[in-house]
Amino acid sequence: MSVEKQNIIDYISEESGKKVLSISDHLQWGSASHLYMLQEKINMYLSAIENGQLTTYYPHATNGFLISLYLKYEPDEQGVAFLCNVKDFLNDLGHDFRYTVLA
């Protein structure tokens, strides 16, 4: 799975009582289309959380949800700003967000 598959949750796992919804991103930074794809994927995950779809399948996720983004490439300046905005936005909604650059 990847960021390009817009209607699929890439991976679901559990960590400290939270359901972790992971996104795999193998794309280079620097294009508006990449940011758009990433935004749409995150929006789809958020929709699945907020419409109750995931709590129906995973009622034991007692500590909420974490969206975890795994990156192949280090984000550029615009990417870092975007990811910080995503984190703030999701935190305001009561969800967690993190990203990791895989070496």
C-alpha atoms as a PDB file:
ATOM      1  CA  MET A   1       0.000   0.000   0.000  1.00  0.00           C
ATOM      2  CA  SER A   2       1.060   3.595  -0.314  1.00  0.00           C
ATOM      3  CA  VAL A   3       0.045   7.210  -0.217  1.00  0.00           C
ATOM      4  CA  GLU A   4      -1.070   6.791  -3.826  1.00  0.00           C
ATOM      5  CA  LYS A   5      -3.843   4.339  -2.838  1.00  0.00           C
ATOM      6  CA  GLN A   6      -6.307   6.959  -1.641  1.00  0.00           C
ATOM      7  CA  ASN A   7      -9.160   4.739  -0.455  1.00  0.00           C
ATOM      8  CA  ILE A   8      -7.170   2.150   1.491  1.00  0.00           C
ATOM      9  CA  ILE A   9      -5.797   2.259   5.012  1.00  0.00           C
ATOM     10  CA  ASP A  10      -2.250   1.009   4.561  1.00  0.00           C
ATOM     11  CA  TYR A  11      -1.740  -0.631   7.977  1.00  0.00           C
ATOM     12  CA  ILE A  12      -3.585  -0.829  11.273  1.00  0.00           C
ATOM     13  CA  SER A  13      -1.865  -1.784  14.510  1.00  0.00           C
ATOM     14  CA  GLU A  14      -2.135  -1.055  18.213  1.00  0.00           C
ATOM     15  CA  GLU A  15       0.213   0.818  20.512  1.00  0.00           C
ATOM     16  CA  SER A  16      -0.512   1.622  24.186  1.00  0.00           C
ATOM     17  CA  GLY A  17      -4.244   1.131  23.691  1.00  0.00           C
ATOM     18  CA  LYS A  18      -4.359   3.405  20.621  1.00  0.00           C
ATOM     19  CA  LYS A  19      -5.148   2.212  17.157  1.00  0.00           C
ATOM     20  CA  VAL A  20      -2.305   3.239  14.877  1.00  0.00           C
ATOM     21  CA  LEU A  21      -3.252   3.961  11.274  1.00  0.00           C
ATOM     22  CA  SER A  22      -0.080   3.988   9.209  1.00  0.00           C
ATOM     23  CA  ILE A  23       0.626   5.572   5.848  1.00  0.00           C
ATOM     24  CA  SER A  24       3.555   4.528   3.691  1.00  0.00           C
ATOM     25  CA  ASP A  25       4.958   7.416   1.614  1.00  0.00           C
ATOM     26  CA  HIS A  26       7.669   6.617  -0.911  1.00  0.00           C
ATOM     27  CA  LEU A  27       7.432   9.854  -2.901  1.00  0.00           C
ATOM     28  CA  GLN A  28      10.006  12.642  -3.187  1.00  0.00           C
ATOM     29  CA  TRP A  29       9.125  16.014  -1.706  1.00  0.00           C
ATOM     30  CA  GLY A  30       8.820  19.194  -3.706  1.00  0.00           C
ATOM     31  CA  SER A  31       5.615  18.843  -5.669  1.00  0.00           C
ATOM     32  CA  ALA A  32       2.146  20.159  -4.962  1.00  0.00           C
ATOM     33  CA  SER A  33       0.671  16.868  -6.166  1.00  0.00           C
ATOM     34  CA  HIS A  34       2.546  14.984  -3.441  1.00  0.00           C
ATOM     35  CA  LEU A  35       1.178  17.281  -0.732  1.00  0.00           C
ATOM     36  CA  TYR A  36      -2.302  16.956  -2.197  1.00  0.00           C
ATOM     37  CA  MET A  37      -2.126  13.139  -2.239  1.00  0.00           C
ATOM     38  CA  LEU A  38      -0.881  13.102   1.325  1.00  0.00           C
ATOM     39  CA  GLN A  39      -3.596  15.517   2.455  1.00  0.00           C
ATOM     40  CA  GLU A  40      -6.292  13.433   0.783  1.00  0.00           C
ATOM     41  CA  LYS A  41      -4.983  10.219   2.350  1.00  0.00           C
ATOM     42  CA  ILE A  42      -4.922  11.800   5.819  1.00  0.00           C
ATOM     43  CA  ASN A  43      -8.440  13.184   5.256  1.00  0.00           C
ATOM     44  CA  MET A  44      -9.665   9.701   4.335  1.00  0.00           C
ATOM     45  CA  TYR A  45      -8.140   8.277   7.535  1.00  0.00           C
ATOM     46  CA  LEU A  46      -9.732  11.061   9.578  1.00  0.00           C
ATOM     47  CA  SER A  47     -13.090  10.420   7.937  1.00  0.00           C
ATOM     48  CA  ALA A  48     -12.851   6.707   8.798  1.00  0.00           C
ATOM     49  CA  ILE A  49     -12.138   7.650  12.415  1.00  0.00           C
ATOM     50  CA  GLU A  50     -14.819  10.305  12.756  1.00  0.00           C
ATOM     51  CA  ASN A  51     -17.652   8.492  11.008  1.00  0.00           C
ATOM     52  CA  GLY A  52     -17.316   5.631  13.499  1.00  0.00           C
ATOM     53  CA  GLN A  53     -16.273   3.074  10.904  1.00  0.00           C
ATOM     54  CA  LEU A  54     -13.080   2.177  12.765  1.00  0.00           C
ATOM     55  CA  THR A  55     -14.618   2.066  16.230  1.00  0.00           C
ATOM     56  CA  THR A  56     -17.148  -0.412  14.866  1.00  0.00           C
ATOM     57  CA  TYR A  57     -14.336  -2.750  13.801  1.00  0.00           C
ATOM     58  CA  TYR A  58     -11.999  -1.915  16.688  1.00  0.00           C
ATOM     59  CA  PRO A  59     -14.130  -1.119  19.769  1.00  0.00           C
ATOM     60  CA  HIS A  60     -11.226  -1.896  22.100  1.00  0.00           C
ATOM     61  CA  ALA A  61      -9.240   1.140  20.879  1.00  0.00           C
ATOM     62  CA  THR A  62      -9.833   2.847  24.200  1.00  0.00           C
ATOM     63  CA  ASN A  63      -7.106   5.498  23.963  1.00  0.00           C
ATOM     64  CA  GLY A  64      -8.017   6.913  20.574  1.00  0.00           C
ATOM     65  CA  PHE A  65      -6.191   6.974  17.285  1.00  0.00           C
ATOM     66  CA  LEU A  66      -2.728   7.828  16.023  1.00  0.00           C
ATOM     67  CA  ILE A  67      -1.973   8.494  12.371  1.00  0.00           C
ATOM     68  CA  SER A  68       1.610   7.494  11.717  1.00  0.00           C
ATOM     69  CA  LEU A  69       3.347   8.479   8.500  1.00  0.00           C
ATOM     70  CA  TYR A  70       6.424   6.566   7.309  1.00  0.00           C
ATOM     71  CA  LEU A  71       8.522   8.502   4.810  1.00  0.00           C
ATOM     72  CA  LYS A  72      11.184   7.277   2.433  1.00  0.00           C
ATOM     73  CA  TYR A  73      12.600  10.797   1.992  1.00  0.00           C
ATOM     74  CA  GLU A  74      13.319  13.618   4.411  1.00  0.00           C
ATOM     75  CA  PRO A  75      10.669  16.321   3.950  1.00  0.00           C
ATOM     76  CA  ASP A  76      11.714  19.665   2.492  1.00  0.00           C
ATOM     77  CA  GLU A  77      10.873  22.964   4.211  1.00  0.00           C
ATOM     78  CA  GLN A  78       7.371  23.071   2.753  1.00  0.00           C
ATOM     79  CA  GLY A  79       6.846  19.436   3.746  1.00  0.00           C
ATOM     80  CA  VAL A  80       7.916  20.061   7.339  1.00  0.00           C
ATOM     81  CA  ALA A  81       5.517  23.018   7.567  1.00  0.00           C
ATOM     82  CA  PHE A  82       2.712  20.862   6.137  1.00  0.00           C
ATOM     83  CA  LEU A  83       3.410  18.029   8.589  1.00  0.00           C
ATOM     84  CA  CYS A  84       3.479  20.445  11.542  1.00  0.00           C
ATOM     85  CA  ASN A  85       0.104  21.828  10.445  1.00  0.00           C
ATOM     86  CA  VAL A  86      -1.295  18.298  10.171  1.00  0.00           C
ATOM     87  CA  LYS A  87      -0.065  17.484  13.683  1.00  0.00           C
ATOM     88  CA  ASP A  88      -1.630  20.649  15.139  1.00  0.00           C
ATOM     89  CA  PHE A  89      -4.908  20.071  13.286  1.00  0.00           C
ATOM     90  CA  LEU A  90      -5.208  16.437  14.389  1.00  0.00           C
ATOM     91  CA  ASN A  91      -4.203  17.267  17.971  1.00  0.00           C
ATOM     92  CA  ASP A  92      -6.969  19.893  18.077  1.00  0.00           C
ATOM     93  CA  LEU A  93      -9.406  17.129  17.112  1.00  0.00           C
ATOM     94  CA  GLY A  94      -8.076  14.832  19.850  1.00  0.00           C
ATOM     95  CA  HIS A  95      -5.976  12.578  17.630  1.00  0.00           C
ATOM     96  CA  ASP A  96      -2.241  12.037  17.515  1.00  0.00           C
ATOM     97  CA  PHE A  97       0.104  12.302  14.548  1.00  0.00           C
ATOM     98  CA  ARG A  98       3.725  11.442  13.973  1.00  0.00           C
ATOM     99  CA  TYR A  99       6.043  10.965  11.064  1.00  0.00           C
ATOM    100  CA  THR A 100       9.211   8.943  10.739  1.00  0.00           C
ATOM    101  CA  VAL A 101      11.822   9.058   8.002  1.00  0.00           C
ATOM    102  CA  LEU A 102      13.038   5.538   7.340  1.00  0.00           C
ATOM    103  CA  ALA A 103      16.761   5.305   6.763  1.00  0.00           C
END
